[in-house]
Amino acid sequence: MDSRKLDDKPLVLHVAINKDGGLFLDGAAVTHDELAVRFAAAVRSGSTVPELHLRADRDTRYEEVTDVMATAQNAGLVKIAFVTEPPATR
């Protein structure tokens, strides 16, 4: 039986990738190496499994997205969600 409280909220890591491949964690610019360290620290830090919410600019190269996903997986993050914005109305 799981002893966690039902209202325990997981840590959510918000990662954005801009069209030039720039990485941002919770709004702050980071390098790929820093991202790997922060992912690993998040996994070690709590009793709940952290979640990654990933947002990429429309013009971001696919390889940039898969690199972040692989880094997350290597750190032990298994919950990954893609964040999208609805299309603008005309």
N, C-alpha and C. Protein backbone atom coordinates (compact mmCIF):
# COMPACT_ATOMS: atom_id res chain seq x y z
N MET A 1 0.84 -1.18 0.00
CA MET A 1 0.00 0.00 0.00
C MET A 1 0.88 1.24 0.00
N ASP A 2 0.52 2.23 -0.77
CA ASP A 2 1.29 3.46 -0.89
C ASP A 2 0.96 4.36 0.30
N SER A 3 1.99 4.80 1.03
CA SER A 3 1.76 5.60 2.22
C SER A 3 1.77 7.10 1.95
N ARG A 4 1.95 7.51 0.71
CA ARG A 4 1.93 8.94 0.38
C ARG A 4 0.52 9.48 0.55
N LYS A 5 0.47 10.75 0.94
CA LYS A 5 -0.84 11.40 1.02
C LYS A 5 -1.35 11.62 -0.39
N LEU A 6 -2.65 11.58 -0.55
CA LEU A 6 -3.24 11.76 -1.87
C LEU A 6 -3.00 13.15 -2.43
N ASP A 7 -2.80 14.13 -1.54
CA ASP A 7 -2.63 15.49 -2.03
C ASP A 7 -1.17 15.87 -2.26
N ASP A 8 -0.24 14.91 -2.15
CA ASP A 8 1.16 15.19 -2.45
C ASP A 8 1.28 15.56 -3.92
N LYS A 9 1.80 16.73 -4.19
CA LYS A 9 1.96 17.19 -5.56
C LYS A 9 3.39 16.87 -6.01
N PRO A 10 3.55 16.34 -7.20
CA PRO A 10 4.90 16.05 -7.68
C PRO A 10 5.63 17.35 -8.03
N LEU A 11 6.92 17.30 -7.98
CA LEU A 11 7.75 18.41 -8.44
C LEU A 11 7.62 18.45 -9.96
N VAL A 12 7.32 19.61 -10.50
CA VAL A 12 7.21 19.75 -11.95
C VAL A 12 8.36 20.61 -12.44
N LEU A 13 9.13 20.07 -13.36
CA LEU A 13 10.24 20.80 -13.99
C LEU A 13 9.75 21.30 -15.34
N HIS A 14 9.75 22.61 -15.50
CA HIS A 14 9.29 23.22 -16.75
C HIS A 14 10.50 23.53 -17.62
N VAL A 15 10.62 22.84 -18.74
CA VAL A 15 11.74 23.05 -19.65
C VAL A 15 11.21 23.59 -20.97
N ALA A 16 11.87 24.62 -21.46
CA ALA A 16 11.52 25.19 -22.76
C ALA A 16 12.77 25.16 -23.64
N ILE A 17 12.54 24.94 -24.92
CA ILE A 17 13.62 24.96 -25.90
C ILE A 17 13.22 25.98 -26.96
N ASN A 18 14.12 26.96 -27.20
CA ASN A 18 13.78 27.94 -28.23
C ASN A 18 14.27 27.46 -29.60
N LYS A 19 13.94 28.19 -30.63
CA LYS A 19 14.25 27.75 -32.00
C LYS A 19 15.73 27.61 -32.27
N ASP A 20 16.57 28.29 -31.45
CA ASP A 20 18.02 28.21 -31.61
C ASP A 20 18.63 27.10 -30.76
N GLY A 21 17.79 26.33 -30.06
CA GLY A 21 18.29 25.25 -29.22
C GLY A 21 18.60 25.69 -27.80
N GLY A 22 18.31 26.94 -27.46
CA GLY A 22 18.55 27.41 -26.09
C GLY A 22 17.61 26.70 -25.12
N LEU A 23 18.16 26.33 -23.97
CA LEU A 23 17.40 25.60 -22.96
C LEU A 23 17.07 26.50 -21.78
N PHE A 24 15.87 26.33 -21.24
CA PHE A 24 15.43 27.12 -20.10
C PHE A 24 14.74 26.18 -19.11
N LEU A 25 15.17 26.22 -17.87
CA LEU A 25 14.56 25.42 -16.81
C LEU A 25 13.87 26.37 -15.86
N ASP A 26 12.57 26.24 -15.74
CA ASP A 26 11.76 27.12 -14.90
C ASP A 26 12.05 28.59 -15.21
N GLY A 27 12.23 28.89 -16.49
CA GLY A 27 12.41 30.26 -16.96
C GLY A 27 13.84 30.76 -16.99
N ALA A 28 14.78 30.02 -16.42
CA ALA A 28 16.19 30.45 -16.38
C ALA A 28 17.00 29.68 -17.41
N ALA A 29 17.86 30.39 -18.14
CA ALA A 29 18.71 29.75 -19.14
C ALA A 29 19.68 28.77 -18.46
N VAL A 30 19.82 27.58 -19.07
CA VAL A 30 20.74 26.56 -18.56
C VAL A 30 21.44 25.90 -19.73
N THR A 31 22.59 25.30 -19.45
CA THR A 31 23.28 24.50 -20.45
C THR A 31 22.72 23.08 -20.39
N HIS A 32 23.05 22.29 -21.38
CA HIS A 32 22.61 20.89 -21.39
C HIS A 32 23.19 20.15 -20.19
N ASP A 33 24.45 20.41 -19.85
CA ASP A 33 25.07 19.75 -18.69
C ASP A 33 24.37 20.15 -17.39
N GLU A 34 24.03 21.43 -17.25
CA GLU A 34 23.32 21.89 -16.05
C GLU A 34 21.95 21.24 -15.95
N LEU A 35 21.30 21.08 -17.08
CA LEU A 35 19.99 20.44 -17.11
C LEU A 35 20.09 19.00 -16.60
N ALA A 36 21.10 18.28 -17.04
CA ALA A 36 21.30 16.90 -16.60
C ALA A 36 21.50 16.82 -15.08
N VAL A 37 22.30 17.74 -14.55
CA VAL A 37 22.56 17.77 -13.11
C VAL A 37 21.27 18.09 -12.35
N ARG A 38 20.50 19.05 -12.82
CA ARG A 38 19.26 19.44 -12.15
C ARG A 38 18.22 18.33 -12.21
N PHE A 39 18.15 17.62 -13.34
CA PHE A 39 17.23 16.49 -13.45
C PHE A 39 17.58 15.42 -12.42
N ALA A 40 18.86 15.06 -12.35
CA ALA A 40 19.29 14.03 -11.42
C ALA A 40 19.03 14.44 -9.97
N ALA A 41 19.28 15.70 -9.64
CA ALA A 41 19.04 16.20 -8.29
C ALA A 41 17.55 16.14 -7.95
N ALA A 42 16.70 16.46 -8.90
CA ALA A 42 15.26 16.43 -8.66
C ALA A 42 14.78 15.00 -8.38
N VAL A 43 15.33 14.05 -9.11
CA VAL A 43 14.94 12.65 -8.91
C VAL A 43 15.37 12.18 -7.52
N ARG A 44 16.56 12.58 -7.08
CA ARG A 44 17.07 12.16 -5.77
C ARG A 44 16.39 12.87 -4.62
N SER A 45 15.82 14.04 -4.84
CA SER A 45 15.40 14.91 -3.75
C SER A 45 14.09 14.57 -3.06
N GLY A 46 13.19 13.90 -3.72
CA GLY A 46 11.88 13.76 -3.10
C GLY A 46 11.32 12.37 -3.10
N SER A 47 10.18 12.26 -2.43
CA SER A 47 9.52 10.97 -2.36
C SER A 47 8.59 10.75 -3.55
N THR A 48 8.23 11.84 -4.24
CA THR A 48 7.39 11.69 -5.43
C THR A 48 8.27 11.78 -6.66
N VAL A 49 7.84 11.13 -7.72
CA VAL A 49 8.59 11.15 -8.97
C VAL A 49 8.33 12.49 -9.66
N PRO A 50 9.39 13.25 -9.95
CA PRO A 50 9.20 14.54 -10.62
C PRO A 50 8.64 14.35 -12.03
N GLU A 51 7.98 15.38 -12.50
CA GLU A 51 7.44 15.38 -13.86
C GLU A 51 8.17 16.43 -14.68
N LEU A 52 8.37 16.14 -15.95
CA LEU A 52 8.96 17.09 -16.88
C LEU A 52 7.86 17.60 -17.81
N HIS A 53 7.68 18.90 -17.84
CA HIS A 53 6.76 19.53 -18.79
C HIS A 53 7.63 20.24 -19.81
N LEU A 54 7.60 19.74 -21.03
CA LEU A 54 8.50 20.18 -22.09
C LEU A 54 7.76 20.98 -23.14
N ARG A 55 8.28 22.16 -23.39
CA ARG A 55 7.70 23.04 -24.42
C ARG A 55 8.82 23.39 -25.40
N ALA A 56 8.54 23.25 -26.68
CA ALA A 56 9.54 23.58 -27.70
C ALA A 56 8.94 24.55 -28.70
N ASP A 57 9.76 25.50 -29.12
CA ASP A 57 9.35 26.43 -30.17
C ASP A 57 9.02 25.63 -31.42
N ARG A 58 8.10 26.13 -32.20
CA ARG A 58 7.67 25.43 -33.42
C ARG A 58 8.85 25.13 -34.36
N ASP A 59 9.86 25.98 -34.38
CA ASP A 59 10.99 25.81 -35.29
C ASP A 59 12.17 25.08 -34.66
N THR A 60 11.99 24.51 -33.48
CA THR A 60 13.06 23.76 -32.82
C THR A 60 13.33 22.47 -33.58
N ARG A 61 14.62 22.15 -33.73
CA ARG A 61 14.99 20.90 -34.39
C ARG A 61 14.55 19.71 -33.54
N TYR A 62 14.08 18.69 -34.18
CA TYR A 62 13.63 17.47 -33.51
C TYR A 62 14.72 16.89 -32.60
N GLU A 63 15.96 16.94 -33.05
CA GLU A 63 17.08 16.40 -32.29
C GLU A 63 17.25 17.10 -30.95
N GLU A 64 16.95 18.39 -30.90
CA GLU A 64 17.05 19.13 -29.64
C GLU A 64 16.04 18.59 -28.62
N VAL A 65 14.85 18.29 -29.09
CA VAL A 65 13.80 17.76 -28.22
C VAL A 65 14.18 16.37 -27.74
N THR A 66 14.64 15.52 -28.65
CA THR A 66 15.00 14.15 -28.25
C THR A 66 16.20 14.13 -27.32
N ASP A 67 17.13 15.08 -27.46
CA ASP A 67 18.27 15.17 -26.54
C ASP A 67 17.79 15.44 -25.12
N VAL A 68 16.85 16.37 -24.97
CA VAL A 68 16.32 16.69 -23.64
C VAL A 68 15.57 15.48 -23.07
N MET A 69 14.80 14.81 -23.91
CA MET A 69 14.06 13.63 -23.45
C MET A 69 15.02 12.52 -23.00
N ALA A 70 16.09 12.31 -23.75
CA ALA A 70 17.08 11.29 -23.38
C ALA A 70 17.78 11.66 -22.08
N THR A 71 18.09 12.93 -21.91
CA THR A 71 18.73 13.39 -20.68
C THR A 71 17.81 13.16 -19.49
N ALA A 72 16.53 13.46 -19.66
CA ALA A 72 15.55 13.23 -18.60
C ALA A 72 15.46 11.75 -18.26
N GLN A 73 15.38 10.92 -19.26
CA GLN A 73 15.28 9.48 -19.04
C GLN A 73 16.53 8.94 -18.34
N ASN A 74 17.69 9.39 -18.75
CA ASN A 74 18.94 8.94 -18.13
C ASN A 74 19.02 9.35 -16.66
N ALA A 75 18.36 10.46 -16.30
CA ALA A 75 18.36 10.92 -14.91
C ALA A 75 17.32 10.20 -14.07
N GLY A 76 16.40 9.48 -14.72
CA GLY A 76 15.37 8.76 -14.00
C GLY A 76 13.99 9.38 -14.06
N LEU A 77 13.84 10.43 -14.87
CA LEU A 77 12.52 11.03 -15.06
C LEU A 77 11.74 10.17 -16.04
N VAL A 78 10.56 9.75 -15.65
CA VAL A 78 9.77 8.89 -16.52
C VAL A 78 8.44 9.53 -16.92
N LYS A 79 8.06 10.60 -16.25
CA LYS A 79 6.82 11.29 -16.58
C LYS A 79 7.15 12.54 -17.37
N ILE A 80 6.87 12.50 -18.66
CA ILE A 80 7.18 13.62 -19.55
C ILE A 80 5.89 14.04 -20.26
N ALA A 81 5.59 15.32 -20.16
CA ALA A 81 4.41 15.86 -20.84
C ALA A 81 4.85 16.95 -21.81
N PHE A 82 4.22 17.00 -22.96
CA PHE A 82 4.49 18.05 -23.92
C PHE A 82 3.48 19.16 -23.72
N VAL A 83 3.96 20.37 -23.58
CA VAL A 83 3.11 21.53 -23.38
C VAL A 83 2.95 22.24 -24.72
N THR A 84 1.73 22.46 -25.10
CA THR A 84 1.46 23.16 -26.36
C THR A 84 0.54 24.34 -26.10
N GLU A 85 0.53 25.23 -27.04
CA GLU A 85 -0.37 26.36 -26.97
C GLU A 85 -1.39 26.23 -28.10
N PRO A 86 -2.63 26.57 -27.81
CA PRO A 86 -3.62 26.48 -28.90
C PRO A 86 -3.30 27.48 -30.00
N PRO A 87 -3.68 27.15 -31.22
CA PRO A 87 -3.41 28.08 -32.32
C PRO A 87 -4.16 29.40 -32.11
N ALA A 88 -3.54 30.46 -32.56
CA ALA A 88 -4.16 31.78 -32.44
C ALA A 88 -5.42 31.84 -33.30
N THR A 89 -6.44 32.49 -32.78
CA THR A 89 -7.66 32.64 -33.58
C THR A 89 -7.48 33.81 -34.52
N ARG A 90 -8.12 33.70 -35.63
CA ARG A 90 -7.96 34.76 -36.65
C ARG A 90 -9.11 35.71 -36.64
